[in-house]
Amino acid sequence: MVMQLHLETLDRRQFVVGAGAAAAIFALFRSIPASAEKPQDFDATFKSIVGDAETGDSGVEITLPEIAENGNTVPFSIAVEGAMSKDDCVKAVHLLSTGNPQPMIATFHFTPLSGTADVSGRMRLAKTQEIVAVAELSNGKFLVGKQMVKVTIGGCGG
C-alpha cells in the first residue's frame, strides 16, 4: 500500500488573508487589560479612590436584600444625604464588593443638576460578601456605607 501526500501551495491572496486574520487575533488578545487577567485587591481599590483622606460612616444608605437567592442579579439602591447645590454636592458614588474577583462594580457621577444623589440597579456577586458604597463629595470628603449580603445558590448558603 502506497500513500500519496498531496501538498497544496498558497497563492499570495490566501497568504495575505491568513496573515491578516492572525494579526487581528493577536491584536485582540493583546488589547485585554492586565486587570481582567488577575483578581485585584479590595484594599488597594478602596485606597485608589479615597487615598489618605478620612472617611465618614454616615450619610450613605445602601438598600440590598439580606439574602440573595441568585448572585447573578442582586438588586441594589444607594442614596446619599445632603443638598445638591453648586458649592456642596456629591460628585460620585463608587460601588465596591469585598468578595468579587474585581472589587470595583460601578462608579456613578453626579452634578448639582442631578437633584439627588441616588441610584439603583442590579449587580452580580460571586459569593456572600460585604458591599461598600463610597460617596465622593465636592469638598474632598468621603462618606462610606456598608452592608453584608448572603448569596445562596439553590437555597444553600454560599
N, C-alpha and C. Protein backbone atom coordinates (compact mmCIF):
# COMPACT_ATOMS: atom_id res chain seq x y z
N MET A 1 0.83 -1.17 0.00
CA MET A 1 0.00 0.00 0.00
C MET A 1 0.88 1.24 0.00
N VAL A 2 0.67 2.08 -0.96
CA VAL A 2 1.46 3.29 -1.14
C VAL A 2 0.58 4.48 -0.80
N MET A 3 1.10 5.35 0.10
CA MET A 3 0.35 6.56 0.47
C MET A 3 0.85 7.72 -0.37
N GLN A 4 -0.08 8.48 -0.83
CA GLN A 4 0.30 9.66 -1.58
C GLN A 4 0.05 10.90 -0.73
N LEU A 5 0.95 11.79 -0.73
CA LEU A 5 0.85 13.04 0.00
C LEU A 5 0.61 14.15 -1.01
N HIS A 6 -0.47 14.88 -0.79
CA HIS A 6 -0.83 15.95 -1.71
C HIS A 6 -0.57 17.28 -1.01
N LEU A 7 0.37 18.02 -1.45
CA LEU A 7 0.68 19.34 -0.89
C LEU A 7 0.08 20.41 -1.79
N GLU A 8 -0.51 21.39 -1.12
CA GLU A 8 -1.10 22.48 -1.87
C GLU A 8 -0.37 23.76 -1.48
N THR A 9 0.00 24.52 -2.42
CA THR A 9 0.68 25.78 -2.14
C THR A 9 -0.35 26.90 -2.05
N LEU A 10 -0.01 27.87 -1.24
CA LEU A 10 -0.88 29.03 -1.08
C LEU A 10 -0.52 30.09 -2.10
N ASP A 11 -1.52 30.69 -2.66
CA ASP A 11 -1.22 31.83 -3.51
C ASP A 11 -1.09 33.08 -2.63
N ARG A 12 -0.68 34.16 -3.20
CA ARG A 12 -0.43 35.38 -2.46
C ARG A 12 -1.67 35.88 -1.71
N ARG A 13 -2.83 35.83 -2.32
CA ARG A 13 -4.07 36.31 -1.70
C ARG A 13 -4.42 35.49 -0.46
N GLN A 14 -4.32 34.17 -0.52
CA GLN A 14 -4.61 33.32 0.63
C GLN A 14 -3.63 33.61 1.78
N PHE A 15 -2.37 33.81 1.43
CA PHE A 15 -1.37 34.10 2.45
C PHE A 15 -1.66 35.44 3.14
N VAL A 16 -2.00 36.47 2.38
CA VAL A 16 -2.27 37.79 2.96
C VAL A 16 -3.51 37.75 3.84
N VAL A 17 -4.57 37.06 3.41
CA VAL A 17 -5.79 36.95 4.21
C VAL A 17 -5.50 36.20 5.51
N GLY A 18 -4.78 35.10 5.44
CA GLY A 18 -4.44 34.33 6.63
C GLY A 18 -3.56 35.11 7.59
N ALA A 19 -2.57 35.82 7.08
CA ALA A 19 -1.69 36.63 7.92
C ALA A 19 -2.46 37.78 8.57
N GLY A 20 -3.39 38.37 7.83
CA GLY A 20 -4.21 39.45 8.40
C GLY A 20 -5.10 38.95 9.52
N ALA A 21 -5.69 37.78 9.33
CA ALA A 21 -6.53 37.19 10.38
C ALA A 21 -5.70 36.88 11.62
N ALA A 22 -4.51 36.34 11.44
CA ALA A 22 -3.64 36.03 12.58
C ALA A 22 -3.24 37.31 13.32
N ALA A 23 -2.95 38.38 12.58
CA ALA A 23 -2.58 39.65 13.20
C ALA A 23 -3.76 40.24 13.98
N ALA A 24 -4.97 40.12 13.44
CA ALA A 24 -6.15 40.64 14.13
C ALA A 24 -6.41 39.88 15.42
N ILE A 25 -6.27 38.57 15.40
CA ILE A 25 -6.46 37.77 16.61
C ILE A 25 -5.38 38.12 17.65
N PHE A 26 -4.15 38.27 17.21
CA PHE A 26 -3.07 38.64 18.13
C PHE A 26 -3.35 40.01 18.76
N ALA A 27 -3.79 40.98 17.97
CA ALA A 27 -4.09 42.31 18.49
C ALA A 27 -5.26 42.27 19.47
N LEU A 28 -6.24 41.44 19.21
CA LEU A 28 -7.39 41.31 20.11
C LEU A 28 -6.94 40.81 21.48
N PHE A 29 -6.11 39.79 21.52
CA PHE A 29 -5.65 39.26 22.80
C PHE A 29 -4.70 40.21 23.51
N ARG A 30 -3.96 41.00 22.78
CA ARG A 30 -3.05 41.98 23.40
C ARG A 30 -3.82 43.16 23.99
N SER A 31 -5.05 43.41 23.51
CA SER A 31 -5.82 44.56 23.99
C SER A 31 -6.56 44.27 25.29
N ILE A 32 -6.59 43.02 25.75
CA ILE A 32 -7.25 42.70 27.01
C ILE A 32 -6.41 43.29 28.13
N PRO A 33 -6.99 44.15 28.99
CA PRO A 33 -6.19 44.77 30.04
C PRO A 33 -5.70 43.74 31.06
N ALA A 34 -4.58 44.04 31.67
CA ALA A 34 -3.99 43.13 32.66
C ALA A 34 -4.92 42.95 33.85
N SER A 35 -5.73 43.98 34.18
CA SER A 35 -6.64 43.87 35.32
C SER A 35 -7.72 42.82 35.08
N ALA A 36 -8.01 42.49 33.84
CA ALA A 36 -9.02 41.47 33.56
C ALA A 36 -8.44 40.07 33.70
N GLU A 37 -7.11 39.98 33.76
CA GLU A 37 -6.47 38.67 33.82
C GLU A 37 -6.29 38.19 35.25
N LYS A 38 -6.11 39.08 36.20
CA LYS A 38 -5.86 38.65 37.57
C LYS A 38 -6.76 39.42 38.53
N PRO A 39 -7.16 38.79 39.62
CA PRO A 39 -8.00 39.47 40.60
C PRO A 39 -7.27 40.66 41.24
N GLN A 40 -8.04 41.67 41.61
CA GLN A 40 -7.47 42.82 42.28
C GLN A 40 -7.78 42.75 43.76
N ASP A 41 -7.10 43.53 44.53
CA ASP A 41 -7.27 43.57 45.97
C ASP A 41 -8.27 44.66 46.34
N PHE A 42 -9.23 44.34 47.23
CA PHE A 42 -10.23 45.32 47.65
C PHE A 42 -9.55 46.52 48.31
N ASP A 43 -8.62 46.28 49.22
CA ASP A 43 -7.98 47.38 49.94
C ASP A 43 -7.25 48.33 49.00
N ALA A 44 -6.58 47.78 47.99
CA ALA A 44 -5.88 48.64 47.02
C ALA A 44 -6.87 49.46 46.21
N THR A 45 -7.99 48.86 45.82
CA THR A 45 -9.01 49.58 45.07
C THR A 45 -9.62 50.69 45.91
N PHE A 46 -9.94 50.39 47.17
CA PHE A 46 -10.51 51.38 48.09
C PHE A 46 -9.53 52.54 48.27
N LYS A 47 -8.25 52.23 48.46
CA LYS A 47 -7.23 53.28 48.65
C LYS A 47 -7.05 54.12 47.38
N SER A 48 -7.21 53.51 46.21
CA SER A 48 -7.07 54.28 44.97
C SER A 48 -8.19 55.32 44.83
N ILE A 49 -9.33 55.07 45.47
CA ILE A 49 -10.44 56.03 45.43
C ILE A 49 -10.28 57.08 46.50
N VAL A 50 -10.07 56.65 47.73
CA VAL A 50 -10.07 57.53 48.89
C VAL A 50 -8.70 58.16 49.15
N GLY A 51 -7.65 57.45 48.85
CA GLY A 51 -6.31 57.94 49.17
C GLY A 51 -6.09 57.94 50.66
N ASP A 52 -5.54 59.02 51.20
CA ASP A 52 -5.29 59.13 52.63
C ASP A 52 -6.36 59.94 53.36
N ALA A 53 -7.42 60.30 52.66
CA ALA A 53 -8.48 61.11 53.26
C ALA A 53 -9.24 60.30 54.31
N GLU A 54 -9.75 61.01 55.31
CA GLU A 54 -10.58 60.36 56.32
C GLU A 54 -11.97 60.16 55.73
N THR A 55 -12.63 59.10 56.22
CA THR A 55 -13.98 58.80 55.72
C THR A 55 -14.98 58.87 56.85
N GLY A 56 -16.19 59.29 56.53
CA GLY A 56 -17.29 59.32 57.48
C GLY A 56 -18.17 58.10 57.28
N ASP A 57 -18.75 57.62 58.38
CA ASP A 57 -19.56 56.40 58.31
C ASP A 57 -21.06 56.68 58.31
N SER A 58 -21.48 57.89 58.01
CA SER A 58 -22.91 58.17 57.97
C SER A 58 -23.23 58.97 56.72
N GLY A 59 -24.47 58.91 56.31
CA GLY A 59 -24.91 59.69 55.16
C GLY A 59 -25.10 58.89 53.89
N VAL A 60 -24.63 57.62 53.87
CA VAL A 60 -24.81 56.77 52.69
C VAL A 60 -25.71 55.61 53.08
N GLU A 61 -26.85 55.51 52.40
CA GLU A 61 -27.79 54.43 52.68
C GLU A 61 -27.78 53.43 51.52
N ILE A 62 -27.43 52.19 51.84
CA ILE A 62 -27.44 51.12 50.84
C ILE A 62 -28.63 50.21 51.14
N THR A 63 -29.42 49.94 50.13
CA THR A 63 -30.54 49.02 50.27
C THR A 63 -30.26 47.78 49.42
N LEU A 64 -30.10 46.65 50.11
CA LEU A 64 -29.82 45.37 49.47
C LEU A 64 -30.66 44.30 50.13
N PRO A 65 -30.93 43.21 49.44
CA PRO A 65 -31.60 42.11 50.13
C PRO A 65 -30.63 41.49 51.15
N GLU A 66 -31.17 41.06 52.28
CA GLU A 66 -30.33 40.41 53.29
C GLU A 66 -29.80 39.09 52.75
N ILE A 67 -30.66 38.37 52.02
CA ILE A 67 -30.28 37.11 51.40
C ILE A 67 -30.62 37.20 49.92
N ALA A 68 -29.63 36.99 49.07
CA ALA A 68 -29.84 36.97 47.61
C ALA A 68 -29.82 35.53 47.15
N GLU A 69 -30.96 35.06 46.64
CA GLU A 69 -31.04 33.66 46.22
C GLU A 69 -30.30 33.40 44.92
N ASN A 70 -30.06 34.44 44.15
CA ASN A 70 -29.33 34.30 42.90
C ASN A 70 -28.29 35.41 42.82
N GLY A 71 -27.02 35.06 42.88
CA GLY A 71 -25.95 36.05 42.83
C GLY A 71 -25.79 36.72 41.49
N ASN A 72 -26.45 36.22 40.45
CA ASN A 72 -26.32 36.81 39.12
C ASN A 72 -27.07 38.13 38.98
N THR A 73 -28.14 38.34 39.76
CA THR A 73 -28.91 39.58 39.67
C THR A 73 -29.34 40.01 41.07
N VAL A 74 -28.49 40.75 41.73
CA VAL A 74 -28.78 41.24 43.08
C VAL A 74 -29.18 42.71 42.96
N PRO A 75 -30.43 43.06 43.31
CA PRO A 75 -30.86 44.46 43.22
C PRO A 75 -30.23 45.30 44.33
N PHE A 76 -29.95 46.56 44.00
CA PHE A 76 -29.40 47.49 44.99
C PHE A 76 -29.94 48.88 44.74
N SER A 77 -29.90 49.69 45.78
CA SER A 77 -30.13 51.13 45.63
C SER A 77 -29.24 51.83 46.64
N ILE A 78 -28.74 52.98 46.24
CA ILE A 78 -27.84 53.78 47.07
C ILE A 78 -28.38 55.20 47.08
N ALA A 79 -28.46 55.79 48.26
CA ALA A 79 -28.88 57.19 48.40
C ALA A 79 -27.91 57.89 49.34
N VAL A 80 -27.49 59.09 48.96
CA VAL A 80 -26.58 59.88 49.78
C VAL A 80 -27.32 61.12 50.24
N GLU A 81 -27.32 61.34 51.56
CA GLU A 81 -27.99 62.50 52.14
C GLU A 81 -27.23 63.77 51.78
N GLY A 82 -27.95 64.88 51.74
CA GLY A 82 -27.31 66.17 51.53
C GLY A 82 -27.88 66.92 50.35
N ALA A 83 -27.66 68.22 50.40
CA ALA A 83 -28.14 69.09 49.33
C ALA A 83 -27.23 68.95 48.12
N MET A 84 -27.80 69.13 46.97
CA MET A 84 -27.03 69.09 45.73
C MET A 84 -26.93 70.50 45.18
N SER A 85 -26.22 71.37 45.90
CA SER A 85 -26.06 72.76 45.47
C SER A 85 -24.78 72.90 44.65
N LYS A 86 -24.60 74.07 44.08
CA LYS A 86 -23.42 74.34 43.25
C LYS A 86 -22.13 74.21 44.05
N ASP A 87 -22.15 74.62 45.31
CA ASP A 87 -20.94 74.61 46.13
C ASP A 87 -20.77 73.34 46.97
N ASP A 88 -21.84 72.58 47.15
CA ASP A 88 -21.78 71.41 48.01
C ASP A 88 -22.62 70.30 47.40
N CYS A 89 -21.95 69.32 46.78
CA CYS A 89 -22.71 68.23 46.15
C CYS A 89 -21.91 66.93 46.18
N VAL A 90 -22.58 65.86 45.86
CA VAL A 90 -21.94 64.56 45.70
C VAL A 90 -21.43 64.48 44.26
N LYS A 91 -20.13 64.29 44.11
CA LYS A 91 -19.53 64.20 42.77
C LYS A 91 -19.68 62.80 42.18
N ALA A 92 -19.49 61.77 43.04
CA ALA A 92 -19.54 60.40 42.54
C ALA A 92 -19.86 59.43 43.67
N VAL A 93 -20.41 58.30 43.29
CA VAL A 93 -20.61 57.19 44.22
C VAL A 93 -19.95 55.97 43.58
N HIS A 94 -19.02 55.37 44.32
CA HIS A 94 -18.29 54.19 43.87
C HIS A 94 -18.86 52.98 44.59
N LEU A 95 -19.25 51.96 43.85
CA LEU A 95 -19.81 50.74 44.42
C LEU A 95 -18.77 49.64 44.35
N LEU A 96 -18.41 49.08 45.52
CA LEU A 96 -17.35 48.08 45.62
C LEU A 96 -17.85 46.81 46.29
N SER A 97 -17.20 45.70 46.00
CA SER A 97 -17.50 44.43 46.66
C SER A 97 -16.22 43.88 47.27
N THR A 98 -16.36 43.23 48.42
CA THR A 98 -15.18 42.69 49.09
C THR A 98 -14.87 41.27 48.65
N GLY A 99 -15.79 40.59 47.97
CA GLY A 99 -15.58 39.19 47.63
C GLY A 99 -15.54 38.86 46.15
N ASN A 100 -15.80 39.81 45.27
CA ASN A 100 -15.72 39.55 43.84
C ASN A 100 -14.26 39.59 43.38
N PRO A 101 -13.93 38.89 42.28
CA PRO A 101 -12.54 38.95 41.77
C PRO A 101 -12.12 40.37 41.40
N GLN A 102 -13.06 41.18 40.90
CA GLN A 102 -12.81 42.59 40.60
C GLN A 102 -13.65 43.41 41.57
N PRO A 103 -13.05 44.08 42.55
CA PRO A 103 -13.84 44.77 43.58
C PRO A 103 -14.66 45.95 43.07
N MET A 104 -14.24 46.64 42.02
CA MET A 104 -14.99 47.79 41.51
C MET A 104 -16.18 47.30 40.69
N ILE A 105 -17.39 47.57 41.19
CA ILE A 105 -18.59 47.17 40.47
C ILE A 105 -19.01 48.28 39.52
N ALA A 106 -19.09 49.52 40.04
CA ALA A 106 -19.53 50.64 39.19
C ALA A 106 -19.18 51.96 39.85
N THR A 107 -19.13 53.01 39.05
CA THR A 107 -18.99 54.38 39.53
C THR A 107 -20.09 55.20 38.87
N PHE A 108 -20.81 55.96 39.69
CA PHE A 108 -21.90 56.82 39.21
C PHE A 108 -21.51 58.27 39.48
N HIS A 109 -21.61 59.12 38.46
CA HIS A 109 -21.22 60.52 38.58
C HIS A 109 -22.47 61.39 38.68
N PHE A 110 -22.37 62.46 39.49
CA PHE A 110 -23.49 63.37 39.72
C PHE A 110 -23.04 64.82 39.57
N THR A 111 -24.00 65.69 39.29
CA THR A 111 -23.79 67.14 39.28
C THR A 111 -24.94 67.76 40.06
N PRO A 112 -24.86 69.05 40.37
CA PRO A 112 -26.00 69.70 41.04
C PRO A 112 -27.30 69.56 40.25
N LEU A 113 -27.20 69.43 38.93
CA LEU A 113 -28.40 69.27 38.10
C LEU A 113 -29.07 67.90 38.31
N SER A 114 -28.36 66.97 38.94
CA SER A 114 -28.95 65.65 39.22
C SER A 114 -30.09 65.75 40.22
N GLY A 115 -30.05 66.78 41.08
CA GLY A 115 -31.11 66.97 42.07
C GLY A 115 -30.89 66.16 43.32
N THR A 116 -30.73 64.86 43.18
CA THR A 116 -30.42 63.99 44.32
C THR A 116 -29.31 63.02 43.91
N ALA A 117 -28.63 62.52 44.91
CA ALA A 117 -27.57 61.55 44.65
C ALA A 117 -28.08 60.18 45.05
N ASP A 118 -28.88 59.61 44.16
CA ASP A 118 -29.36 58.25 44.41
C ASP A 118 -29.38 57.48 43.10
N VAL A 119 -29.18 56.18 43.22
CA VAL A 119 -29.08 55.32 42.05
C VAL A 119 -29.56 53.92 42.44
N SER A 120 -30.05 53.19 41.46
CA SER A 120 -30.43 51.80 41.71
C SER A 120 -30.12 50.97 40.48
N GLY A 121 -30.01 49.69 40.70
CA GLY A 121 -29.70 48.78 39.60
C GLY A 121 -29.57 47.36 40.10
N ARG A 122 -28.87 46.56 39.32
CA ARG A 122 -28.60 45.17 39.68
C ARG A 122 -27.12 44.90 39.48
N MET A 123 -26.59 44.02 40.32
CA MET A 123 -25.18 43.66 40.21
C MET A 123 -25.02 42.16 40.34
N ARG A 124 -23.86 41.70 40.01
CA ARG A 124 -23.54 40.27 40.10
C ARG A 124 -22.55 40.08 41.24
N LEU A 125 -22.86 39.13 42.13
CA LEU A 125 -22.00 38.83 43.27
C LEU A 125 -21.56 37.38 43.21
N ALA A 126 -20.28 37.16 43.45
CA ALA A 126 -19.72 35.82 43.35
C ALA A 126 -20.04 34.95 44.57
N LYS A 127 -20.17 35.57 45.73
CA LYS A 127 -20.40 34.81 46.97
C LYS A 127 -20.89 35.76 48.04
N THR A 128 -21.13 35.22 49.24
CA THR A 128 -21.52 36.05 50.38
C THR A 128 -20.40 37.05 50.66
N GLN A 129 -20.75 38.33 50.81
CA GLN A 129 -19.72 39.36 50.97
C GLN A 129 -20.33 40.67 51.45
N GLU A 130 -19.43 41.62 51.74
CA GLU A 130 -19.86 42.96 52.14
C GLU A 130 -19.80 43.87 50.92
N ILE A 131 -20.84 44.68 50.77
CA ILE A 131 -20.90 45.68 49.70
C ILE A 131 -20.60 47.04 50.32
N VAL A 132 -19.74 47.80 49.66
CA VAL A 132 -19.30 49.10 50.17
C VAL A 132 -19.62 50.18 49.14
N ALA A 133 -20.27 51.25 49.59
CA ALA A 133 -20.55 52.40 48.73
C ALA A 133 -19.74 53.58 49.26
N VAL A 134 -18.95 54.20 48.41
CA VAL A 134 -18.11 55.34 48.78
C VAL A 134 -18.64 56.56 48.04
N ALA A 135 -19.13 57.55 48.80
CA ALA A 135 -19.62 58.80 48.20
C ALA A 135 -18.49 59.82 48.23
N GLU A 136 -18.15 60.36 47.07
CA GLU A 136 -17.10 61.37 46.94
C GLU A 136 -17.78 62.73 46.87
N LEU A 137 -17.51 63.59 47.85
CA LEU A 137 -18.16 64.90 47.92
C LEU A 137 -17.30 65.96 47.25
N SER A 138 -17.92 67.06 46.86
CA SER A 138 -17.20 68.13 46.17
C SER A 138 -16.20 68.85 47.06
N ASN A 139 -16.36 68.73 48.39
CA ASN A 139 -15.41 69.38 49.31
C ASN A 139 -14.21 68.50 49.63
N GLY A 140 -14.08 67.35 48.94
CA GLY A 140 -12.93 66.47 49.13
C GLY A 140 -13.12 65.40 50.19
N LYS A 141 -14.27 65.39 50.85
CA LYS A 141 -14.53 64.38 51.87
C LYS A 141 -15.17 63.15 51.24
N PHE A 142 -15.13 62.04 51.98
CA PHE A 142 -15.71 60.79 51.53
C PHE A 142 -16.61 60.22 52.61
N LEU A 143 -17.76 59.71 52.20
CA LEU A 143 -18.68 59.03 53.10
C LEU A 143 -18.77 57.58 52.66
N VAL A 144 -18.85 56.66 53.65
CA VAL A 144 -18.84 55.24 53.34
C VAL A 144 -20.05 54.56 53.97
N GLY A 145 -20.71 53.73 53.21
CA GLY A 145 -21.79 52.89 53.71
C GLY A 145 -21.47 51.44 53.38
N LYS A 146 -21.82 50.52 54.29
CA LYS A 146 -21.52 49.10 54.09
C LYS A 146 -22.74 48.26 54.44
N GLN A 147 -22.87 47.15 53.72
CA GLN A 147 -23.92 46.19 54.06
C GLN A 147 -23.49 44.80 53.59
N MET A 148 -23.77 43.80 54.42
CA MET A 148 -23.47 42.41 54.13
C MET A 148 -24.61 41.78 53.34
N VAL A 149 -24.29 40.95 52.36
CA VAL A 149 -25.27 40.22 51.57
C VAL A 149 -24.89 38.75 51.57
N LYS A 150 -25.84 37.91 51.95
CA LYS A 150 -25.62 36.47 51.89
C LYS A 150 -26.14 35.96 50.56
N VAL A 151 -25.24 35.39 49.76
CA VAL A 151 -25.61 34.87 48.45
C VAL A 151 -25.80 33.37 48.57
N THR A 152 -26.98 32.88 48.24
CA THR A 152 -27.25 31.45 48.26
C THR A 152 -27.41 30.95 46.83
N ILE A 153 -27.12 29.70 46.63
CA ILE A 153 -27.28 29.10 45.30
C ILE A 153 -28.20 27.91 45.48
N GLY A 154 -29.39 27.99 44.93
CA GLY A 154 -30.34 26.90 45.05
C GLY A 154 -30.78 26.64 46.48
N GLY A 155 -30.79 27.67 47.31
CA GLY A 155 -31.23 27.52 48.69
C GLY A 155 -30.11 27.11 49.65
N CYS A 156 -28.90 26.91 49.15
CA CYS A 156 -27.79 26.54 50.02
C CYS A 156 -26.94 27.76 50.30
N GLY A 157 -26.41 27.89 51.49
CA GLY A 157 -25.58 29.04 51.85
C GLY A 157 -24.30 29.04 51.06
N GLY A 158 -23.81 30.26 50.75
CA GLY A 158 -22.59 30.37 49.94
C GLY A 158 -21.56 31.20 50.57
